[in-house]
Amino acid sequence: MSTKPKNRDRRGRRRGGSRRSEQTKRPIRPTPPCIACGEDINDITSALADPRDGGPVHFECAIKAAEAELKPVEGETVIYLGKGGFAAVESKSYQQRKLKIIRRMDWEKLDEVSSWRKDLRTELR
């Protein structure tokens, strides 16, 4: 049996352990300009590829462009379906979360991979 109080060493900061560094552990990624608005894209992982030339576009700018193309009427909203597709949907019952797709638009071409996406893939390996 120990004569030392059990919790004495556990109070406060751990002894002998390394302190967390002040630097962030996120990798430094490029911030290319958005094709639509011209501002820098701070989070390149959330960007979409422009359908015309494949350059990076803010997610918000892509939604605005999709809304302009799909032209939702009253009672419809534009949502992102995933895999580069947007749709104008009509919410049938909000409580049951049933959506009816009215019009669909493919924003990105799945068979083409942009050069900036290839750079991100090599970074993760």
Protein backbone atom coordinates (compact mmCIF):
# COMPACT_ATOMS: atom_id res chain seq x y z
CA MET A 1 0.00 0.00 0.00
CA SER A 2 1.29 3.41 -0.93
CA THR A 3 1.66 6.23 1.59
CA LYS A 4 1.22 8.81 -1.15
CA PRO A 5 -2.26 10.29 -1.75
CA LYS A 6 -3.75 8.71 -4.85
CA ASN A 7 -4.79 11.82 -6.80
CA ARG A 8 -1.93 14.13 -5.89
CA ASP A 9 -0.04 13.73 -9.20
CA ARG A 10 -3.14 14.11 -11.35
CA ARG A 11 -4.02 17.64 -10.32
CA GLY A 12 -3.35 20.43 -12.78
CA ARG A 13 -1.24 19.93 -15.88
CA ARG A 14 0.26 16.55 -16.53
CA ARG A 15 3.82 16.29 -15.41
CA GLY A 16 6.47 15.43 -17.94
CA GLY A 17 4.06 15.34 -20.87
CA SER A 18 4.50 17.39 -23.97
CA ARG A 19 2.48 20.55 -24.33
CA ARG A 20 0.36 21.11 -27.37
CA SER A 21 2.08 23.16 -30.01
CA GLU A 22 0.77 26.60 -30.86
CA GLN A 23 0.79 25.81 -34.56
CA THR A 24 -2.24 24.38 -36.26
CA LYS A 25 -1.94 20.85 -37.52
CA ARG A 26 -3.90 21.51 -40.72
CA PRO A 27 -1.89 21.28 -43.92
CA ILE A 28 -1.23 24.47 -45.81
CA ARG A 29 -3.37 24.37 -48.92
CA PRO A 30 -3.45 26.80 -51.83
CA THR A 31 -6.18 29.44 -51.97
CA PRO A 32 -6.98 29.87 -55.68
CA PRO A 33 -9.47 32.52 -56.81
CA CYS A 34 -13.09 31.55 -57.45
CA ILE A 35 -14.01 31.52 -61.15
CA ALA A 36 -17.42 33.07 -60.43
CA CYS A 37 -16.73 35.88 -57.92
CA GLY A 38 -12.93 36.29 -58.02
CA GLU A 39 -12.39 36.00 -54.25
CA ASP A 40 -9.92 33.52 -52.80
CA ILE A 41 -11.26 30.09 -51.82
CA ASN A 42 -10.09 29.52 -48.24
CA ASP A 43 -11.38 25.94 -47.96
CA ILE A 44 -10.48 24.29 -51.26
CA THR A 45 -11.89 20.94 -50.10
CA SER A 46 -15.45 22.34 -50.21
CA ALA A 47 -15.08 23.85 -53.69
CA LEU A 48 -16.79 22.51 -56.80
CA ALA A 49 -15.42 22.37 -60.34
CA ASP A 50 -16.86 24.88 -62.81
CA PRO A 51 -18.74 23.07 -65.61
CA ARG A 52 -17.23 25.27 -68.34
CA ASP A 53 -13.50 25.12 -67.66
CA GLY A 54 -13.09 22.96 -64.53
CA GLY A 55 -11.71 25.74 -62.32
CA PRO A 56 -12.60 25.88 -58.61
CA VAL A 57 -15.80 27.65 -57.54
CA HIS A 58 -17.09 28.47 -54.04
CA PHE A 59 -19.91 26.16 -52.99
CA GLU A 60 -22.12 29.22 -52.36
CA CYS A 61 -21.35 30.61 -55.84
CA ALA A 62 -22.27 27.23 -57.37
CA ILE A 63 -25.62 27.24 -55.55
CA LYS A 64 -26.35 30.78 -56.80
CA ALA A 65 -25.54 29.75 -60.38
CA ALA A 66 -27.68 26.62 -60.03
CA GLU A 67 -30.57 28.73 -58.73
CA ALA A 68 -30.22 31.03 -61.73
CA GLU A 69 -30.32 28.09 -64.13
CA LEU A 70 -33.03 26.00 -62.43
CA LYS A 71 -35.26 29.03 -61.70
CA PRO A 72 -37.20 27.72 -58.69
CA VAL A 73 -40.78 28.94 -58.33
CA GLU A 74 -42.60 29.58 -55.07
CA GLY A 75 -42.52 26.52 -52.82
CA GLU A 76 -39.35 25.12 -54.42
CA THR A 77 -35.78 25.26 -53.17
CA VAL A 78 -32.47 24.35 -54.77
CA ILE A 79 -30.42 21.75 -52.93
CA TYR A 80 -27.15 19.93 -53.54
CA LEU A 81 -27.72 16.25 -54.19
CA GLY A 82 -24.08 15.17 -54.08
CA LYS A 83 -21.69 13.98 -56.79
CA GLY A 84 -21.86 17.36 -58.51
CA GLY A 85 -25.63 17.52 -58.94
CA PHE A 86 -28.21 20.14 -57.96
CA ALA A 87 -32.00 19.89 -58.00
CA ALA A 88 -35.05 22.08 -57.57
CA VAL A 89 -37.19 20.26 -55.01
CA GLU A 90 -40.65 20.71 -53.61
CA SER A 91 -41.07 19.93 -49.95
CA LYS A 92 -44.20 17.80 -49.63
CA SER A 93 -44.22 17.36 -45.88
CA TYR A 94 -41.65 19.09 -43.74
CA GLN A 95 -42.39 16.91 -40.73
CA GLN A 96 -41.79 13.70 -42.66
CA ARG A 97 -38.98 15.25 -44.74
CA LYS A 98 -40.37 14.08 -48.05
CA LEU A 99 -38.93 15.86 -51.05
CA LYS A 100 -40.09 15.72 -54.64
CA ILE A 101 -37.43 16.45 -57.26
CA ILE A 102 -38.88 18.77 -59.88
CA ARG A 103 -35.81 19.54 -62.03
CA ARG A 104 -32.28 18.17 -61.85
CA MET A 105 -29.00 19.60 -63.13
CA ASP A 106 -25.55 17.99 -63.28
CA TRP A 107 -22.99 20.63 -62.32
CA GLU A 108 -19.76 18.62 -62.43
CA LYS A 109 -18.75 16.04 -64.99
CA LEU A 110 -17.87 12.87 -63.10
CA ASP A 111 -15.64 11.46 -65.85
CA GLU A 112 -13.33 14.51 -65.84
CA VAL A 113 -11.03 15.29 -62.91
CA SER A 114 -9.66 18.83 -62.58
CA SER A 115 -5.96 19.44 -62.04
CA TRP A 116 -6.55 21.15 -58.68
CA ARG A 117 -8.47 18.07 -57.50
CA LYS A 118 -5.57 15.82 -58.56
CA ASP A 119 -3.25 17.97 -56.43
CA LEU A 120 -5.53 17.49 -53.40
CA ARG A 121 -5.61 13.74 -53.92
CA THR A 122 -1.84 13.48 -53.99
CA GLU A 123 -1.65 15.59 -50.82
CA LEU A 124 -3.75 13.06 -48.88
CA ARG A 125 -1.46 10.14 -49.72
